[in-house]
Amino acid sequence: MKRKHFLTYLAGFTVMSTLSGFKRFTDDLPEQPDYMPVLFVGHGSPMNAIEDNEFSERWQQMAKEIPVPKAVLIISAHWLTRGTHITAMTQPKTIHDFGGFPRELFEVEYPAPGNPDLAKEAAALITSTEVGLDHDWGLDHGAWSVVRRMYPNANIPMLQLSIDYHQPPQYHYDLAKQLMALRKKGVLILGSGNMVHNLRMIQVPGNDFSKMNDEYGFDWAVEMNTIFKDKIMNRDHKALIEYEKLNKAAKLAIPTPDHYYPLLYSLALQRKGEETTFFNDKAVAGSLTMTSVKIS
């Protein structure tokens, strides 16, 4: 696959209520003895959706290590909007939001159901802004490329929450905190992006993108990955929210924040005393890291 083809997928970039509205779906779910874990997944290349490699295999294993969720709410780097929206259809479509990849990838369908009641109830939890109920989007590749490996039977309700790209990092962190009640009801909240994500600087041997997942990171990418992990382990969320102040390398690691914001959604849901572990902790193609986070 040629570099210019790989980069083409770059081109394509109301409910107010009280907690009394948090009923129809979740009242039928018993509270869990423990809160559902939270994940941030570095999703990397769309090809991870169909390739059996160390990253996709680890996603499969992670699904076996955590409780089976009642539903999954995904914050993907690939749904950027003005305002905040949540998918509220009964059957979200599979969106192939990329170009230049093999036909096999475009033929993938992930027919997981949605859940309109849960969408309304999740929207009602968010009181800091009006949340639109969306019936047009579906599941983009930042979502289905991961969950089809975790839950291949497509029998768990899937919803996406959009990223208001016109808001600053603190806004997203604060908004995510309002979703905490979903964790107690067995809903898996999953951020999907990449901590270090600079597609303009990717480098693979001979521009052969079949080698996209070969372990290789520029010095600045490895440095920033280490800094991010250190801040995460020390729960220094303020520094991660104000990532532009960390150092000059942060601007290389995050030239645009679309793939970084999902991490903030996941971190915001960490409770006091919860542990953080990393998986798929590798740099690839020079300027990407697949580093992922589990909070439980």
Protein backbone atom coordinates (compact mmCIF):
# COMPACT_ATOMS: atom_id res chain seq x y z
CA MET A 1 0.00 0.00 0.00
CA LYS A 2 1.38 3.38 -0.94
CA ARG A 3 1.88 6.12 1.58
CA LYS A 4 -0.46 8.56 -0.19
CA HIS A 5 -3.23 5.98 -0.11
CA PHE A 6 -2.71 5.35 3.57
CA LEU A 7 -3.06 9.05 4.27
CA THR A 8 -6.29 9.53 2.35
CA TYR A 9 -8.43 8.66 5.31
CA LEU A 10 -7.16 11.88 6.90
CA ALA A 11 -9.17 13.88 4.38
CA GLY A 12 -12.51 12.73 5.52
CA PHE A 13 -12.06 14.53 9.10
CA THR A 14 -31.16 16.81 22.88
CA VAL A 15 -31.53 15.68 25.77
CA MET A 16 -31.44 17.60 29.08
CA SER A 17 -32.79 15.75 32.09
CA THR A 18 -32.19 14.79 35.70
CA LEU A 19 -31.03 11.40 36.93
CA SER A 20 -34.70 10.42 37.09
CA GLY A 21 -34.37 9.84 33.35
CA PHE A 22 -31.72 7.19 33.95
CA LYS A 23 -34.32 4.43 33.93
CA ARG A 24 -35.54 2.22 31.16
CA PHE A 25 -32.36 0.38 30.26
CA THR A 26 -30.31 0.58 33.44
CA ASP A 27 -33.13 -0.07 35.92
CA ASP A 28 -33.26 -3.57 34.50
CA LEU A 29 -29.53 -4.01 35.17
CA PRO A 30 -28.47 -4.93 38.69
CA GLU A 31 -25.67 -2.85 40.12
CA GLN A 32 -22.37 -4.67 39.87
CA PRO A 33 -20.32 -5.51 42.98
CA ASP A 34 -17.48 -3.63 41.30
CA TYR A 35 -17.31 -0.91 38.71
CA MET A 36 -16.78 -2.01 35.14
CA PRO A 37 -13.19 -1.43 33.98
CA VAL A 38 -12.45 1.44 31.61
CA LEU A 39 -10.22 1.06 28.56
CA PHE A 40 -8.25 3.32 26.29
CA VAL A 41 -7.16 1.43 23.18
CA GLY A 42 -4.54 2.50 20.69
CA HIS A 43 -6.27 1.34 17.52
CA GLY A 44 -3.56 2.14 14.95
CA SER A 45 -4.01 0.97 11.37
CA PRO A 46 -7.51 -0.07 10.22
CA MET A 47 -5.88 -3.31 9.06
CA ASN A 48 -5.76 -4.41 12.70
CA ALA A 49 -9.47 -5.14 12.27
CA ILE A 50 -8.73 -8.10 10.00
CA GLU A 51 -5.10 -9.03 10.69
CA ASP A 52 -4.14 -11.49 13.38
CA ASN A 53 -1.25 -9.74 15.07
CA GLU A 54 -0.02 -9.04 18.57
CA PHE A 55 -2.28 -6.01 18.93
CA SER A 56 -5.54 -7.55 17.75
CA GLU A 57 -4.81 -10.74 19.67
CA ARG A 58 -4.32 -8.70 22.84
CA TRP A 59 -7.70 -7.05 22.28
CA GLN A 60 -9.23 -10.51 22.09
CA GLN A 61 -7.50 -11.54 25.30
CA MET A 62 -8.57 -8.36 27.10
CA ALA A 63 -12.21 -9.20 26.44
CA LYS A 64 -11.66 -12.49 28.26
CA GLU A 65 -9.99 -10.78 31.23
CA ILE A 66 -12.76 -8.30 32.02
CA PRO A 67 -16.44 -8.96 32.81
CA VAL A 68 -18.74 -9.29 29.82
CA PRO A 69 -20.32 -5.83 29.46
CA LYS A 70 -24.03 -5.15 29.24
CA ALA A 71 -23.22 -2.57 26.56
CA VAL A 72 -20.20 -0.68 25.22
CA LEU A 73 -19.94 3.10 24.89
CA ILE A 74 -17.10 4.11 22.59
CA ILE A 75 -15.40 7.48 22.23
CA SER A 76 -13.59 7.25 18.90
CA ALA A 77 -11.07 9.65 17.42
CA HIS A 78 -12.98 9.45 14.15
CA TRP A 79 -16.29 11.04 15.15
CA LEU A 80 -15.60 14.75 15.46
CA THR A 81 -18.58 17.06 15.66
CA ARG A 82 -19.79 20.49 16.68
CA GLY A 83 -21.63 19.82 19.90
CA THR A 84 -21.90 16.44 21.63
CA HIS A 85 -23.95 13.60 20.15
CA ILE A 86 -24.62 9.96 20.92
CA THR A 87 -25.77 7.25 18.52
CA ALA A 88 -29.37 6.32 19.25
CA MET A 89 -30.38 3.94 16.47
CA THR A 90 -31.39 0.32 16.94
CA GLN A 91 -28.90 -0.94 14.35
CA PRO A 92 -25.79 1.21 13.80
CA LYS A 93 -24.20 0.86 10.38
CA THR A 94 -20.55 -0.09 9.83
CA ILE A 95 -18.71 2.97 8.51
CA HIS A 96 -15.69 2.44 6.26
CA ASP A 97 -14.09 5.84 6.82
CA PHE A 98 -10.74 5.29 5.09
CA GLY A 99 -9.25 4.83 1.64
CA GLY A 100 -6.58 2.85 -0.16
CA PHE A 101 -6.95 -0.37 1.80
CA PRO A 102 -7.68 -3.90 0.52
CA ARG A 103 -11.22 -4.73 -0.55
CA GLU A 104 -11.42 -7.27 2.26
CA LEU A 105 -11.42 -4.43 4.79
CA PHE A 106 -14.26 -2.59 3.03
CA GLU A 107 -16.33 -5.75 3.05
CA VAL A 108 -16.26 -6.06 6.86
CA GLU A 109 -19.63 -5.56 8.52
CA TYR A 110 -20.08 -5.49 12.28
CA PRO A 111 -23.83 -5.90 12.87
CA ALA A 112 -23.93 -5.25 16.61
CA PRO A 113 -27.18 -3.70 17.86
CA GLY A 114 -27.53 -0.24 19.29
CA ASN A 115 -29.74 0.71 22.23
CA PRO A 116 -31.87 3.87 21.94
CA ASP A 117 -32.98 3.70 25.59
CA LEU A 118 -29.41 3.57 26.85
CA ALA A 119 -28.50 6.44 24.53
CA LYS A 120 -31.23 8.61 26.06
CA GLU A 121 -30.20 7.67 29.57
CA ALA A 122 -26.51 8.32 28.95
CA ALA A 123 -27.39 11.68 27.42
CA ALA A 124 -29.46 12.53 30.49
CA LEU A 125 -26.43 11.96 32.73
CA ILE A 126 -24.56 14.74 30.94
CA THR A 127 -25.82 17.99 32.41
CA SER A 128 -22.99 20.28 31.29
CA THR A 129 -24.22 20.45 27.71
CA GLU A 130 -27.10 19.44 25.51
CA VAL A 131 -26.53 16.02 23.95
CA GLY A 132 -28.01 15.25 20.55
CA LEU A 133 -29.48 11.83 19.78
CA ASP A 134 -27.92 10.80 16.46
CA HIS A 135 -29.56 8.44 13.97
CA ASP A 136 -27.12 8.85 11.07
CA TRP A 137 -23.57 7.99 12.19
CA GLY A 138 -23.09 4.37 13.23
CA LEU A 139 -19.76 2.72 14.14
CA ASP A 140 -16.62 4.15 12.53
CA HIS A 141 -13.40 2.18 12.18
CA GLY A 142 -12.01 3.57 15.43
CA ALA A 143 -14.85 1.67 17.07
CA TRP A 144 -15.54 -1.49 15.09
CA SER A 145 -11.91 -2.33 14.30
CA VAL A 146 -11.40 -2.92 18.03
CA VAL A 147 -14.72 -4.31 19.24
CA ARG A 148 -15.09 -6.83 16.42
CA ARG A 149 -11.93 -8.46 17.77
CA MET A 150 -13.09 -8.22 21.39
CA TYR A 151 -16.69 -9.30 20.79
CA PRO A 152 -16.80 -11.12 17.44
CA ASN A 153 -20.37 -12.37 17.93
CA ALA A 154 -21.64 -8.79 17.62
CA ASN A 155 -24.27 -9.49 20.26
CA ILE A 156 -23.52 -6.65 22.70
CA PRO A 157 -25.16 -3.22 22.23
CA MET A 158 -22.70 -0.65 20.89
CA LEU A 159 -23.00 3.13 21.13
CA GLN A 160 -20.67 5.96 20.17
CA LEU A 161 -20.29 9.34 21.86
CA SER A 162 -18.93 12.06 19.60
CA ILE A 163 -16.07 14.43 20.35
CA ASP A 164 -16.96 18.13 20.18
CA TYR A 165 -13.84 19.21 18.32
CA HIS A 166 -14.47 22.87 19.07
CA GLN A 167 -13.96 22.42 22.81
CA PRO A 168 -10.70 22.37 24.83
CA PRO A 169 -9.25 19.33 26.63
CA GLN A 170 -10.68 20.26 30.04
CA TYR A 171 -14.19 20.25 28.58
CA HIS A 172 -13.85 16.63 27.47
CA TYR A 173 -12.37 15.49 30.76
CA ASP A 174 -15.17 17.14 32.75
CA LEU A 175 -17.88 15.79 30.45
CA ALA A 176 -16.60 12.24 30.75
CA LYS A 177 -16.80 12.32 34.56
CA GLN A 178 -20.57 12.59 34.30
CA LEU A 179 -20.75 9.08 32.80
CA MET A 180 -19.47 7.34 35.94
CA ALA A 181 -22.89 5.82 36.78
CA LEU A 182 -22.69 3.72 33.61
CA ARG A 183 -19.68 1.86 34.99
CA LYS A 184 -21.69 0.69 37.99
CA LYS A 185 -24.31 -0.74 35.64
CA GLY A 186 -21.86 -2.89 33.67
CA VAL A 187 -21.32 -0.59 30.69
CA LEU A 188 -17.80 -0.71 29.26
CA ILE A 189 -16.57 2.77 28.36
CA LEU A 190 -13.82 2.55 25.75
CA GLY A 191 -11.72 5.40 24.37
CA SER A 192 -10.18 4.61 20.97
CA GLY A 193 -7.34 6.67 19.53
CA ASN A 194 -3.55 6.80 19.91
CA MET A 195 -1.46 8.64 22.51
CA VAL A 196 1.20 9.48 19.94
CA HIS A 197 -0.32 9.97 16.50
CA ASN A 198 1.47 11.86 13.74
CA LEU A 199 0.51 10.36 10.39
CA ARG A 200 2.44 12.98 8.46
CA MET A 201 5.69 11.59 9.83
CA ILE A 202 5.09 7.85 9.63
CA GLN A 203 8.03 5.88 8.29
CA VAL A 204 8.14 2.21 7.33
CA PRO A 205 10.80 0.33 5.34
CA GLY A 206 10.34 0.87 1.61
CA ASN A 207 6.95 2.51 2.20
CA ASP A 208 5.60 -1.03 2.56
CA PHE A 209 2.61 -0.55 4.83
CA SER A 210 2.23 -4.26 5.32
CA LYS A 211 5.05 -3.59 7.80
CA MET A 212 3.07 -0.86 9.52
CA ASN A 213 3.09 -2.70 12.84
CA ASP A 214 6.83 -3.35 12.96
CA GLU A 215 8.16 -2.00 16.23
CA TYR A 216 9.93 1.29 15.60
CA GLY A 217 9.65 4.73 17.16
CA PHE A 218 11.41 8.03 16.65
CA ASP A 219 13.22 9.24 19.75
CA TRP A 220 10.62 11.95 20.40
CA ALA A 221 7.76 9.45 20.07
CA VAL A 222 9.34 7.06 22.56
CA GLU A 223 10.09 9.98 24.88
CA MET A 224 6.51 11.24 24.82
CA ASN A 225 5.11 7.74 25.27
CA THR A 226 7.22 7.41 28.42
CA ILE A 227 6.13 10.80 29.70
CA PHE A 228 2.46 10.03 29.08
CA LYS A 229 2.72 6.71 30.89
CA ASP A 230 4.49 8.33 33.84
CA LYS A 231 1.76 10.97 34.15
CA ILE A 232 -0.95 8.33 33.87
CA MET A 233 0.61 6.11 36.53
CA ASN A 234 0.98 9.08 38.88
CA ARG A 235 -2.57 10.26 38.17
CA ASP A 236 -1.27 13.61 37.05
CA HIS A 237 -4.32 14.23 34.94
CA LYS A 238 -3.85 17.99 35.04
CA ALA A 239 -0.56 17.66 33.17
CA LEU A 240 -2.18 15.37 30.61
CA ILE A 241 -5.04 17.82 30.10
CA GLU A 242 -2.47 20.59 29.59
CA TYR A 243 -0.32 18.37 27.37
CA GLU A 244 0.89 21.26 25.21
CA LYS A 245 2.87 22.53 28.19
CA LEU A 246 4.82 19.29 28.66
CA ASN A 247 7.60 19.93 26.13
CA LYS A 248 8.26 20.64 22.45
CA ALA A 249 7.94 16.96 21.56
CA ALA A 250 4.30 17.02 22.64
CA LYS A 251 3.47 19.06 19.54
CA LEU A 252 5.02 16.34 17.37
CA ALA A 253 3.20 13.61 19.26
CA ILE A 254 -0.14 15.41 19.10
CA PRO A 255 -0.19 17.71 16.06
CA THR A 256 -3.99 17.51 16.26
CA PRO A 257 -5.82 16.28 19.38
CA ASP A 258 -8.42 14.02 17.73
CA HIS A 259 -6.62 10.78 18.64
CA TYR A 260 -5.57 12.08 22.07
CA TYR A 261 -8.95 13.22 23.40
CA PRO A 262 -10.32 9.66 23.83
CA LEU A 263 -7.55 9.09 26.40
CA LEU A 264 -8.87 11.99 28.48
CA TYR A 265 -12.37 10.48 28.45
CA SER A 266 -10.99 7.23 29.85
CA LEU A 267 -8.77 8.86 32.47
CA ALA A 268 -11.62 11.04 33.73
CA LEU A 269 -13.47 7.89 34.80
CA GLN A 270 -10.71 6.64 37.10
CA ARG A 271 -11.86 6.34 40.70
CA LYS A 272 -9.72 6.76 43.79
CA GLY A 273 -7.69 3.64 44.49
CA GLU A 274 -8.13 2.10 41.04
CA GLU A 275 -5.07 0.62 39.39
CA THR A 276 -3.76 1.44 35.93
CA THR A 277 -2.04 -1.09 33.68
CA PHE A 278 -0.69 -0.78 30.14
CA PHE A 279 -0.92 -3.19 27.23
CA ASN A 280 0.18 -3.14 23.57
CA ASP A 281 2.85 -0.74 24.75
CA LYS A 282 4.84 -0.27 21.54
CA ALA A 283 5.78 2.42 19.04
CA VAL A 284 5.23 1.60 15.37
CA ALA A 285 6.00 3.30 12.06
CA GLY A 286 8.15 5.88 13.82
CA SER A 287 5.43 8.29 14.88
CA LEU A 288 2.60 6.19 16.34
CA THR A 289 2.23 4.38 19.64
CA MET A 290 -0.21 1.56 20.25
CA THR A 291 0.05 1.99 24.03
CA SER A 292 -3.27 1.18 25.68
CA VAL A 293 -4.63 1.58 29.19
CA LYS A 294 -6.82 -0.47 31.48
CA ILE A 295 -8.31 1.16 34.58
CA SER A 296 -9.89 -1.09 37.19
